Every structure is written in structure tokens, then in C-alpha cells.
Amino acid sequence: MNEKETFETSIKRLEQIVGELERGDLPLEESLAKYEEGIERLRRCHSMLEDTKKKIVMLTKNPDGSLKEDDFEGKKH
């Protein structure tokens, strides 16, 4: 797996792996290797999503109409 791989590329490959495993026609060793690759890609995608969440800032209005910044997960700045 390439460190510079995008989220979308990694998800597409993960979908391919799931499809291959669902067919059920792979030898056991190859199935295990695909499963392990899938788990690693899933972890990487999850990590990319978590990193992105940390960068997102939401603007919300206070009752008085002024704006405030909140993290994606609701922590105030």
C-alpha cells in the first residue's frame, strides 16, 4: 500500500477486496492475505477520516447573532 494513496483510492481497493472475498473462490492463503490487506486499508481510511475531522471547523451562531467556531466534534475554540 502506497503512503500517498488517497482515501478514495483506498476505499475503491477495499471494495474490490470485499468483492473478491464474497465470491468465495480464492484459496485459503490468498483469502487470508486479502483479508489482512483489507483490514489494513480499513484502519488507514479510518485514520484519514479522524485526521480530517480534527481539521474541520464549524461556524455556528450564538443567540445574539454573533458567530462562534466549534470543532467538528463540538469543542469550542
C-alpha atoms as a PDB file:
ATOM      1  CA  MET A   1       0.000   0.000   0.000  1.00  0.00           C
ATOM      2  CA  ASN A   2       1.337   3.408  -1.001  1.00  0.00           C
ATOM      3  CA  GLU A   3       1.624   6.031   1.767  1.00  0.00           C
ATOM      4  CA  LYS A   4       0.497   8.748  -0.700  1.00  0.00           C
ATOM      5  CA  GLU A   5      -2.639   6.826  -1.671  1.00  0.00           C
ATOM      6  CA  THR A   6      -5.823   8.860  -1.441  1.00  0.00           C
ATOM      7  CA  PHE A   7      -8.825   7.981   0.678  1.00  0.00           C
ATOM      8  CA  GLU A   8     -10.904   7.364  -2.443  1.00  0.00           C
ATOM      9  CA  THR A   9      -8.313   5.029  -3.975  1.00  0.00           C
ATOM     10  CA  SER A  10      -8.012   3.098  -0.740  1.00  0.00           C
ATOM     11  CA  ILE A  11     -11.808   2.737  -0.403  1.00  0.00           C
ATOM     12  CA  LYS A  12     -12.082   1.554  -4.016  1.00  0.00           C
ATOM     13  CA  ARG A  13      -9.439  -1.125  -3.395  1.00  0.00           C
ATOM     14  CA  LEU A  14     -11.183  -2.121  -0.166  1.00  0.00           C
ATOM     15  CA  GLU A  15     -14.430  -2.601  -2.109  1.00  0.00           C
ATOM     16  CA  GLN A  16     -12.581  -4.789  -4.629  1.00  0.00           C
ATOM     17  CA  ILE A  17     -11.141  -6.914  -1.833  1.00  0.00           C
ATOM     18  CA  VAL A  18     -14.576  -7.374  -0.245  1.00  0.00           C
ATOM     19  CA  GLY A  19     -15.989  -8.426  -3.616  1.00  0.00           C
ATOM     20  CA  GLU A  20     -13.202 -10.957  -4.129  1.00  0.00           C
ATOM     21  CA  LEU A  21     -13.716 -12.404  -0.660  1.00  0.00           C
ATOM     22  CA  GLU A  22     -17.502 -12.558  -1.073  1.00  0.00           C
ATOM     23  CA  ARG A  23     -17.152 -14.645  -4.237  1.00  0.00           C
ATOM     24  CA  GLY A  24     -15.531 -17.332  -2.093  1.00  0.00           C
ATOM     25  CA  ASP A  25     -13.413 -18.831  -4.872  1.00  0.00           C
ATOM     26  CA  LEU A  26      -9.949 -17.883  -3.573  1.00  0.00           C
ATOM     27  CA  PRO A  27      -7.581 -20.371  -1.955  1.00  0.00           C
ATOM     28  CA  LEU A  28      -7.346 -20.049   1.825  1.00  0.00           C
ATOM     29  CA  GLU A  29      -3.884 -18.437   1.812  1.00  0.00           C
ATOM     30  CA  GLU A  30      -4.929 -15.823  -0.742  1.00  0.00           C
ATOM     31  CA  SER A  31      -8.159 -15.149   1.149  1.00  0.00           C
ATOM     32  CA  LEU A  32      -6.186 -14.556   4.329  1.00  0.00           C
ATOM     33  CA  ALA A  33      -3.775 -12.196   2.551  1.00  0.00           C
ATOM     34  CA  LYS A  34      -6.708 -10.237   1.046  1.00  0.00           C
ATOM     35  CA  TYR A  35      -8.415 -10.093   4.443  1.00  0.00           C
ATOM     36  CA  GLU A  36      -5.259  -8.715   6.076  1.00  0.00           C
ATOM     37  CA  GLU A  37      -4.846  -6.126   3.307  1.00  0.00           C
ATOM     38  CA  GLY A  38      -8.492  -5.145   3.733  1.00  0.00           C
ATOM     39  CA  ILE A  39      -8.106  -4.681   7.483  1.00  0.00           C
ATOM     40  CA  GLU A  40      -5.014  -2.511   6.964  1.00  0.00           C
ATOM     41  CA  ARG A  41      -6.820  -0.373   4.372  1.00  0.00           C
ATOM     42  CA  LEU A  42      -9.834  -0.038   6.676  1.00  0.00           C
ATOM     43  CA  ARG A  43      -7.595   1.168   9.509  1.00  0.00           C
ATOM     44  CA  ARG A  44      -5.847   3.629   7.203  1.00  0.00           C
ATOM     45  CA  CYS A  45      -9.166   5.020   5.934  1.00  0.00           C
ATOM     46  CA  HIS A  46     -10.436   5.380   9.500  1.00  0.00           C
ATOM     47  CA  SER A  47      -7.249   7.218  10.462  1.00  0.00           C
ATOM     48  CA  MET A  48      -7.594   9.567   7.467  1.00  0.00           C
ATOM     49  CA  LEU A  49     -11.198  10.346   8.468  1.00  0.00           C
ATOM     50  CA  GLU A  50     -10.202  11.044  12.066  1.00  0.00           C
ATOM     51  CA  ASP A  51      -7.377  13.351  10.925  1.00  0.00           C
ATOM     52  CA  THR A  52      -9.807  15.203   8.672  1.00  0.00           C
ATOM     53  CA  LYS A  53     -12.355  15.620  11.476  1.00  0.00           C
ATOM     54  CA  LYS A  54      -9.685  17.353  13.558  1.00  0.00           C
ATOM     55  CA  LYS A  55      -9.162  19.928  10.791  1.00  0.00           C
ATOM     56  CA  ILE A  56     -12.820  20.826  10.242  1.00  0.00           C
ATOM     57  CA  VAL A  57     -14.172  23.909  11.983  1.00  0.00           C
ATOM     58  CA  MET A  58     -17.888  24.667  12.082  1.00  0.00           C
ATOM     59  CA  LEU A  59     -19.279  28.164  12.292  1.00  0.00           C
ATOM     60  CA  THR A  60     -22.419  28.448  14.385  1.00  0.00           C
ATOM     61  CA  LYS A  61     -24.470  31.404  15.550  1.00  0.00           C
ATOM     62  CA  ASN A  62     -24.725  32.464  19.158  1.00  0.00           C
ATOM     63  CA  PRO A  63     -28.173  33.567  20.414  1.00  0.00           C
ATOM     64  CA  ASP A  64     -27.073  37.194  19.939  1.00  0.00           C
ATOM     65  CA  GLY A  65     -26.325  36.561  16.238  1.00  0.00           C
ATOM     66  CA  SER A  66     -22.536  36.576  16.549  1.00  0.00           C
ATOM     67  CA  LEU A  67     -20.554  33.681  15.113  1.00  0.00           C
ATOM     68  CA  LYS A  68     -18.504  31.169  17.048  1.00  0.00           C
ATOM     69  CA  GLU A  69     -16.159  28.420  15.905  1.00  0.00           C
ATOM     70  CA  ASP A  70     -16.644  24.827  17.045  1.00  0.00           C
ATOM     71  CA  ASP A  71     -14.606  21.762  16.193  1.00  0.00           C
ATOM     72  CA  PHE A  72     -16.354  19.153  14.099  1.00  0.00           C
ATOM     73  CA  GLU A  73     -16.856  17.157  17.291  1.00  0.00           C
ATOM     74  CA  GLY A  74     -18.389  20.075  19.178  1.00  0.00           C
ATOM     75  CA  LYS A  75     -15.451  21.532  21.133  1.00  0.00           C
ATOM     76  CA  LYS A  76     -15.466  25.326  21.253  1.00  0.00           C
ATOM     77  CA  HIS A  77     -12.496  27.441  20.136  1.00  0.00           C
END
